[in-house]
Amino acid sequence: MKKLLFASFLAIVAIGLAGCQEKDSLSSNPSTTPDVSDKTGSDTDKNNSNPVEDFTIKVSDNGLSAETSSYTFATLQEGDTFPPDAKIRLTTDDQWAVCSSLNERYTKFTAEDPDVLPEGSVDWDIVTKEDLGIGNESNEIVAIDLMFDRELIKPGESKLKFETRGYNGSTTVTGKTTTICLDIIVKEFGTIEVPTYNIDLELDLTGLSDIIVETETDAESINWTTTDSTPEEEVYGYSADYSRSLTIQPTHPKVKIEGMKFAVGHSYHTWIFIEGEVRVWIALEADGFSDDYELTPNKDNSQSSLAVKKDGVTVKAKLGDYYSLDMR
């Protein structure tokens, strides 16, 4: 009986030793070590937790549309404290009827290159019927403006994805994420290249003293200004001159603006302005005939429209009629 118990004990010990040897063999053999990376750190799981963003260009979705797929903006000009807006207007269709706000939980921007469009450099603003004067106190959304901070955006190119949902209104816009993705190009101020003509402007000031006497202005200052008639936000940062100005004295017989970079195909406004208790605007006329440019006073003679047709032109002008406003 004792032999039988002892034999059973030996058998149990042998089985235990065999189990230990099997565990040691598994732990010492790399080829049989269990791979836990698939559970705790696989590429699949990483991709699921950080999905790759889709930056496919999309100019229209779910009733929201951009005018084009690519937009170019300039950075802030040094010293410019009041730059024009840099924005993209997305317009809505009838699917957005009655919708008056966006669900901020689902509204966000994603930049493909955050070095170009850093966090906080883009914001949004809704545009309602009331804002556009097409509704009687209606807060229905007709557009969404994407606003770019010229001081924060950096030169380069990046896709920008805007996602949103309406907060109220049709389930078409409240129950589905609307996505717009556009190409954004940012340039240093003055480096958005456009075709230009290099021109000079020469102005004969004969009759200026007579106008000062006629209008009884005290003529605190007199300036000659030539400015692109295109809205500044559309040409901000272009390689052409947006505006040139010159301070003049009534005793000067002639003045000249040299080397103006005139944007090809654009029309510029040009005028003389006299600051004083009586303010005076003087339109300009062509001093002689030329096929190379046109200089046309407007109806109230407060300024003239200048169109140039070729490079290297000298625009010769003289004083025309004027418009005055008594500030006393």
Protein backbone atom coordinates (compact mmCIF):
# COMPACT_ATOMS: atom_id res chain seq x y z
CA MET A 1 0.00 0.00 0.00
CA LYS A 2 2.84 2.41 0.85
CA LYS A 3 4.52 1.53 -2.47
CA LEU A 4 1.35 2.35 -4.34
CA LEU A 5 0.99 5.77 -2.64
CA PHE A 6 4.67 6.57 -3.25
CA ALA A 7 4.32 5.65 -6.93
CA SER A 8 1.30 7.91 -7.24
CA PHE A 9 3.24 10.76 -5.61
CA LEU A 10 6.12 10.34 -8.08
CA ALA A 11 3.68 10.40 -10.97
CA ILE A 12 2.17 13.69 -9.78
CA VAL A 13 5.63 15.28 -9.36
CA ALA A 14 6.62 14.14 -12.84
CA ILE A 15 3.53 15.68 -14.35
CA GLY A 16 4.25 18.98 -12.52
CA LEU A 17 7.86 19.05 -13.72
CA ALA A 18 6.77 18.40 -17.28
CA GLY A 19 4.34 21.33 -17.06
CA CYS A 20 7.09 23.65 -15.80
CA GLN A 21 9.45 22.56 -18.55
CA GLU A 22 6.75 23.26 -21.16
CA LYS A 23 6.23 26.84 -19.83
CA ASP A 24 9.98 27.45 -19.75
CA SER A 25 10.26 26.20 -23.31
CA LEU A 26 7.53 28.60 -24.51
CA SER A 27 9.00 31.63 -22.78
CA SER A 28 12.53 30.99 -24.02
CA ASN A 29 11.54 30.43 -27.67
CA PRO A 30 10.75 33.74 -29.44
CA SER A 31 8.99 32.00 -32.29
CA THR A 32 6.33 30.67 -29.97
CA THR A 33 5.90 33.71 -27.73
CA PRO A 34 2.28 35.04 -27.99
CA ASP A 35 2.10 38.34 -29.99
CA VAL A 36 -0.10 40.78 -28.06
CA SER A 37 0.55 43.74 -30.34
CA ASP A 38 -2.55 42.91 -32.39
CA LYS A 39 -4.63 43.52 -29.28
CA THR A 40 -2.88 46.48 -27.76
CA GLY A 41 -0.96 48.37 -30.45
CA SER A 42 -1.73 47.16 -33.96
CA ASP A 43 -1.65 49.44 -37.00
CA THR A 44 -5.30 48.63 -37.51
CA ASP A 45 -6.19 49.90 -34.07
CA LYS A 46 -3.98 52.94 -34.51
CA ASN A 47 -5.74 53.75 -37.77
CA ASN A 48 -9.09 53.30 -36.12
CA SER A 49 -8.23 55.62 -33.25
CA ASN A 50 -6.56 58.20 -35.54
CA PRO A 51 -8.28 57.88 -38.92
CA VAL A 52 -6.59 59.47 -41.92
CA GLU A 53 -8.43 62.68 -42.85
CA ASP A 54 -10.02 62.80 -46.30
CA PHE A 55 -9.09 66.06 -48.03
CA THR A 56 -10.83 65.42 -51.34
CA ILE A 57 -11.88 68.76 -52.85
CA LYS A 58 -15.60 69.30 -52.36
CA VAL A 59 -17.19 72.61 -53.38
CA SER A 60 -20.80 71.60 -52.75
CA ASP A 61 -22.56 69.35 -50.26
CA ASN A 62 -26.02 69.08 -48.80
CA GLY A 63 -27.17 72.49 -50.04
CA LEU A 64 -24.00 74.41 -49.11
CA SER A 65 -21.71 75.63 -51.91
CA ALA A 66 -18.49 77.54 -52.57
CA GLU A 67 -18.03 79.54 -55.74
CA THR A 68 -14.81 77.80 -56.73
CA SER A 69 -12.40 75.13 -55.46
CA SER A 70 -9.30 77.28 -54.86
CA TYR A 71 -8.76 80.60 -53.08
CA THR A 72 -5.66 82.76 -52.69
CA PHE A 73 -5.07 85.19 -49.82
CA ALA A 74 -2.18 87.46 -48.85
CA THR A 75 -0.67 87.76 -45.40
CA LEU A 76 -0.92 91.02 -43.50
CA GLN A 77 1.01 93.98 -44.90
CA GLU A 78 3.48 95.25 -42.32
CA GLY A 79 1.98 98.11 -40.35
CA ASP A 80 -1.54 97.58 -41.71
CA THR A 81 -3.93 97.90 -38.78
CA PHE A 82 -7.16 97.77 -40.82
CA PRO A 83 -6.75 95.15 -43.55
CA PRO A 84 -9.75 94.14 -45.66
CA ASP A 85 -11.53 90.90 -44.84
CA ALA A 86 -10.11 87.64 -46.13
CA LYS A 87 -13.11 85.38 -46.43
CA ILE A 88 -14.89 82.72 -48.43
CA ARG A 89 -18.67 82.88 -48.68
CA LEU A 90 -20.50 79.56 -48.75
CA THR A 91 -24.11 79.96 -49.92
CA THR A 92 -27.10 77.83 -48.93
CA ASP A 93 -30.07 76.58 -50.95
CA ASP A 94 -33.68 75.75 -50.00
CA GLN A 95 -32.56 72.77 -47.93
CA TRP A 96 -31.42 75.30 -45.32
CA ALA A 97 -34.78 77.08 -45.16
CA VAL A 98 -35.79 77.94 -41.56
CA CYS A 99 -32.31 76.98 -40.25
CA SER A 100 -31.00 79.88 -38.16
CA SER A 101 -27.91 78.52 -36.40
CA LEU A 102 -25.19 75.89 -36.58
CA ASN A 103 -24.66 73.01 -34.20
CA GLU A 104 -21.25 73.90 -32.78
CA ARG A 105 -20.74 70.33 -31.59
CA TYR A 106 -20.49 69.26 -35.23
CA THR A 107 -18.90 72.42 -36.63
CA LYS A 108 -15.14 72.41 -37.09
CA PHE A 109 -12.18 73.16 -39.37
CA THR A 110 -9.43 70.71 -40.28
CA ALA A 111 -6.30 71.94 -42.10
CA GLU A 112 -4.20 69.55 -44.12
CA ASP A 113 -1.14 71.68 -43.28
CA PRO A 114 -1.47 73.42 -39.90
CA ASP A 115 1.77 75.32 -40.57
CA VAL A 116 -0.11 77.25 -43.28
CA LEU A 117 -3.44 77.47 -41.47
CA PRO A 118 -2.63 77.27 -37.74
CA GLU A 119 -5.28 76.58 -35.15
CA GLY A 120 -7.34 79.72 -34.58
CA SER A 121 -6.47 81.29 -37.94
CA VAL A 122 -9.88 80.45 -39.46
CA ASP A 123 -13.31 81.18 -38.03
CA TRP A 124 -16.89 81.11 -39.30
CA ASP A 125 -19.80 83.51 -39.24
CA ILE A 126 -23.38 82.99 -40.37
CA VAL A 127 -25.05 85.42 -42.78
CA THR A 128 -28.82 85.77 -42.46
CA LYS A 129 -31.51 87.21 -44.68
CA GLU A 130 -31.72 90.19 -42.33
CA ASP A 131 -27.97 90.80 -42.74
CA LEU A 132 -28.46 91.06 -46.50
CA GLY A 133 -31.64 93.10 -46.23
CA ILE A 134 -33.74 90.46 -47.98
CA GLY A 135 -35.92 89.41 -45.07
CA ASN A 136 -38.06 91.20 -42.53
CA GLU A 137 -36.04 90.50 -39.38
CA SER A 138 -35.46 86.96 -40.67
CA ASN A 139 -32.57 85.07 -39.09
CA GLU A 140 -32.65 82.31 -41.69
CA ILE A 141 -29.13 81.37 -42.83
CA VAL A 142 -28.39 82.27 -46.46
CA ALA A 143 -24.61 81.92 -46.27
CA ILE A 144 -21.70 80.97 -44.04
CA ASP A 145 -18.52 83.07 -44.19
CA LEU A 146 -15.17 81.40 -43.56
CA MET A 147 -12.95 84.15 -42.11
CA PHE A 148 -9.12 84.05 -42.33
CA ASP A 149 -6.88 86.00 -39.95
CA ARG A 150 -4.18 87.54 -42.18
CA GLU A 151 -1.90 87.96 -39.17
CA LEU A 152 -1.94 84.22 -38.38
CA ILE A 153 -2.01 82.49 -41.77
CA LYS A 154 1.41 81.63 -43.26
CA PRO A 155 2.72 81.36 -46.85
CA GLY A 156 2.09 77.96 -48.39
CA GLU A 157 -0.74 75.78 -49.64
CA SER A 158 -3.18 73.66 -47.67
CA LYS A 159 -6.52 71.96 -48.08
CA LEU A 160 -9.11 73.20 -45.61
CA LYS A 161 -12.08 71.07 -44.60
CA PHE A 162 -15.14 72.68 -43.03
CA GLU A 163 -17.74 70.41 -41.43
CA THR A 164 -21.04 71.48 -39.92
CA ARG A 165 -24.66 70.64 -39.18
CA GLY A 166 -27.63 72.93 -38.86
CA TYR A 167 -28.89 73.29 -35.30
CA ASN A 168 -32.52 73.58 -36.34
CA GLY A 169 -34.64 73.34 -39.45
CA SER A 170 -34.94 70.39 -41.82
CA THR A 171 -33.49 67.02 -40.83
CA THR A 172 -31.64 67.22 -44.15
CA VAL A 173 -29.22 69.69 -42.56
CA THR A 174 -29.57 68.81 -38.88
CA GLY A 175 -29.17 65.06 -39.13
CA LYS A 176 -26.28 64.91 -41.57
CA THR A 177 -22.80 66.41 -41.51
CA THR A 178 -22.22 68.84 -44.37
CA THR A 179 -18.62 68.91 -45.64
CA ILE A 180 -16.84 71.46 -47.81
CA CYS A 181 -13.14 71.03 -48.67
CA LEU A 182 -11.19 73.71 -50.53
CA ASP A 183 -7.65 74.49 -51.62
CA ILE A 184 -6.19 77.53 -49.84
CA ILE A 185 -3.07 79.30 -51.14
CA VAL A 186 -1.40 81.89 -48.91
CA LYS A 187 1.15 84.37 -50.31
CA GLU A 188 3.35 87.01 -48.73
CA PHE A 189 1.84 90.46 -49.16
CA GLY A 190 2.74 91.91 -52.57
CA THR A 191 3.68 88.57 -54.15
CA ILE A 192 0.36 87.60 -55.75
CA GLU A 193 1.55 88.12 -59.30
CA VAL A 194 -0.80 89.82 -61.76
CA PRO A 195 -0.05 91.42 -65.18
CA THR A 196 0.87 95.09 -64.83
CA TYR A 197 1.68 98.11 -66.97
CA ASN A 198 4.46 100.38 -65.77
CA ILE A 199 3.16 103.92 -66.27
CA ASP A 200 3.74 107.55 -65.26
CA LEU A 201 1.00 110.06 -64.47
CA GLU A 202 1.61 113.74 -65.15
CA LEU A 203 -0.85 116.38 -63.92
CA ASP A 204 -1.04 120.03 -64.97
CA LEU A 205 -2.25 122.03 -61.94
CA THR A 206 -3.19 125.15 -63.89
CA GLY A 207 -6.37 126.61 -62.36
CA LEU A 208 -5.94 125.07 -58.90
CA SER A 209 -5.53 128.46 -57.20
CA ASP A 210 -8.68 129.70 -58.94
CA ILE A 211 -10.70 126.74 -57.60
CA ILE A 212 -9.44 127.45 -54.07
CA VAL A 213 -10.63 131.04 -54.36
CA GLU A 214 -13.99 130.07 -55.92
CA THR A 215 -14.83 127.52 -53.23
CA GLU A 216 -13.53 129.69 -50.37
CA THR A 217 -11.72 126.71 -48.88
CA ASP A 218 -8.87 127.26 -46.47
CA ALA A 219 -7.03 124.35 -48.13
CA GLU A 220 -5.45 122.74 -45.07
CA SER A 221 -4.00 120.05 -47.32
CA ILE A 222 -4.19 118.99 -50.97
CA ASN A 223 -3.68 115.41 -52.17
CA TRP A 224 -3.76 113.65 -55.51
CA THR A 225 -4.86 110.02 -55.26
CA THR A 226 -5.10 107.21 -57.80
CA THR A 227 -6.73 103.99 -56.56
CA ASP A 228 -7.85 100.70 -58.10
CA SER A 229 -11.65 100.67 -58.38
CA THR A 230 -11.74 96.94 -57.56
CA PRO A 231 -12.74 96.27 -53.91
CA GLU A 232 -9.56 96.09 -51.84
CA GLU A 233 -10.32 92.64 -50.40
CA GLU A 234 -10.20 91.23 -53.94
CA VAL A 235 -6.75 92.63 -54.78
CA TYR A 236 -5.06 92.82 -51.37
CA GLY A 237 -1.46 91.66 -51.68
CA TYR A 238 -1.31 91.85 -55.50
CA SER A 239 1.93 92.79 -57.23
CA ALA A 240 0.17 95.80 -58.79
CA ASP A 241 -0.21 99.11 -56.94
CA TYR A 242 -3.57 99.37 -55.26
CA SER A 243 -3.19 103.09 -54.55
CA ARG A 244 -0.68 105.91 -55.02
CA SER A 245 -1.01 109.31 -53.39
CA LEU A 246 0.91 112.56 -53.64
CA THR A 247 0.75 115.71 -51.48
CA ILE A 248 0.85 118.86 -53.61
CA GLN A 249 1.08 122.63 -53.19
CA PRO A 250 -1.17 125.08 -55.09
CA THR A 251 1.96 126.85 -56.34
CA HIS A 252 3.19 123.74 -58.18
CA PRO A 253 2.72 124.07 -61.95
CA LYS A 254 2.86 120.31 -62.54
CA VAL A 255 3.19 117.12 -60.47
CA LYS A 256 4.06 113.57 -61.47
CA ILE A 257 3.58 110.05 -60.13
CA GLU A 258 6.30 107.86 -61.58
CA GLY A 259 6.58 104.09 -62.00
CA MET A 260 3.06 103.15 -61.04
CA LYS A 261 2.31 99.45 -61.48
CA PHE A 262 -1.12 99.57 -63.08
CA ALA A 263 -3.09 96.28 -63.03
CA VAL A 264 -3.87 95.22 -66.59
CA GLY A 265 -7.60 95.23 -67.33
CA HIS A 266 -8.47 97.24 -64.23
CA SER A 267 -10.00 100.69 -63.99
CA TYR A 268 -8.59 103.17 -61.46
CA HIS A 269 -10.21 106.18 -59.78
CA THR A 270 -8.15 109.39 -59.71
CA TRP A 271 -8.92 112.77 -58.14
CA ILE A 272 -7.63 115.83 -56.27
CA PHE A 273 -8.94 116.30 -52.72
CA ILE A 274 -8.69 119.57 -50.81
CA GLU A 275 -9.20 119.24 -47.06
CA GLY A 276 -10.58 122.24 -45.18
CA GLU A 277 -13.71 123.82 -43.79
CA VAL A 278 -14.92 123.53 -47.35
CA ARG A 279 -13.93 120.19 -48.82
CA VAL A 280 -13.30 120.02 -52.54
CA TRP A 281 -13.01 117.05 -54.93
CA ILE A 282 -11.64 117.78 -58.41
CA ALA A 283 -12.08 115.44 -61.37
CA LEU A 284 -9.29 115.08 -63.94
CA GLU A 285 -9.45 115.24 -67.73
CA ALA A 286 -7.08 114.03 -70.43
CA ASP A 287 -4.65 116.76 -71.46
CA GLY A 288 -4.80 116.03 -75.18
CA PHE A 289 -5.93 112.98 -77.14
CA SER A 290 -4.35 109.52 -76.83
CA ASP A 291 -5.30 105.99 -77.92
CA ASP A 292 -3.20 104.62 -75.05
CA TYR A 293 -5.51 105.57 -72.18
CA GLU A 294 -8.93 106.97 -71.29
CA LEU A 295 -9.66 109.48 -68.53
CA THR A 296 -13.38 110.04 -67.87
CA PRO A 297 -14.90 112.29 -65.13
CA ASN A 298 -17.87 110.89 -63.21
CA LYS A 299 -21.27 112.61 -63.09
CA ASP A 300 -20.70 114.77 -60.01
CA ASN A 301 -17.09 115.59 -61.00
CA SER A 302 -15.72 114.28 -57.71
CA GLN A 303 -13.30 111.90 -59.47
CA SER A 304 -12.40 110.35 -62.82
CA SER A 305 -12.03 106.84 -64.16
CA LEU A 306 -8.66 105.91 -65.68
CA ALA A 307 -8.14 102.99 -68.07
CA VAL A 308 -4.71 102.22 -69.56
CA LYS A 309 -4.27 100.11 -72.71
CA LYS A 310 -0.52 99.55 -73.01
CA ASP A 311 2.76 99.44 -71.10
CA GLY A 312 5.13 102.40 -70.80
CA VAL A 313 2.45 105.08 -71.14
CA THR A 314 2.64 108.58 -69.67
CA VAL A 315 -0.90 109.64 -68.74
CA LYS A 316 -1.18 113.41 -69.20
CA ALA A 317 -4.03 115.01 -67.24
CA LYS A 318 -5.37 118.41 -66.30
CA LEU A 319 -7.90 119.70 -63.76
CA GLY A 320 -11.56 119.34 -64.66
CA ASP A 321 -14.72 120.40 -62.85
CA TYR A 322 -15.11 120.02 -59.11
CA TYR A 323 -17.53 119.10 -56.34
CA SER A 324 -17.48 120.95 -52.99
CA LEU A 325 -19.00 120.36 -49.56
CA ASP A 326 -19.22 123.13 -46.94
CA MET A 327 -18.39 121.65 -43.49
CA ARG A 328 -18.88 124.93 -41.58
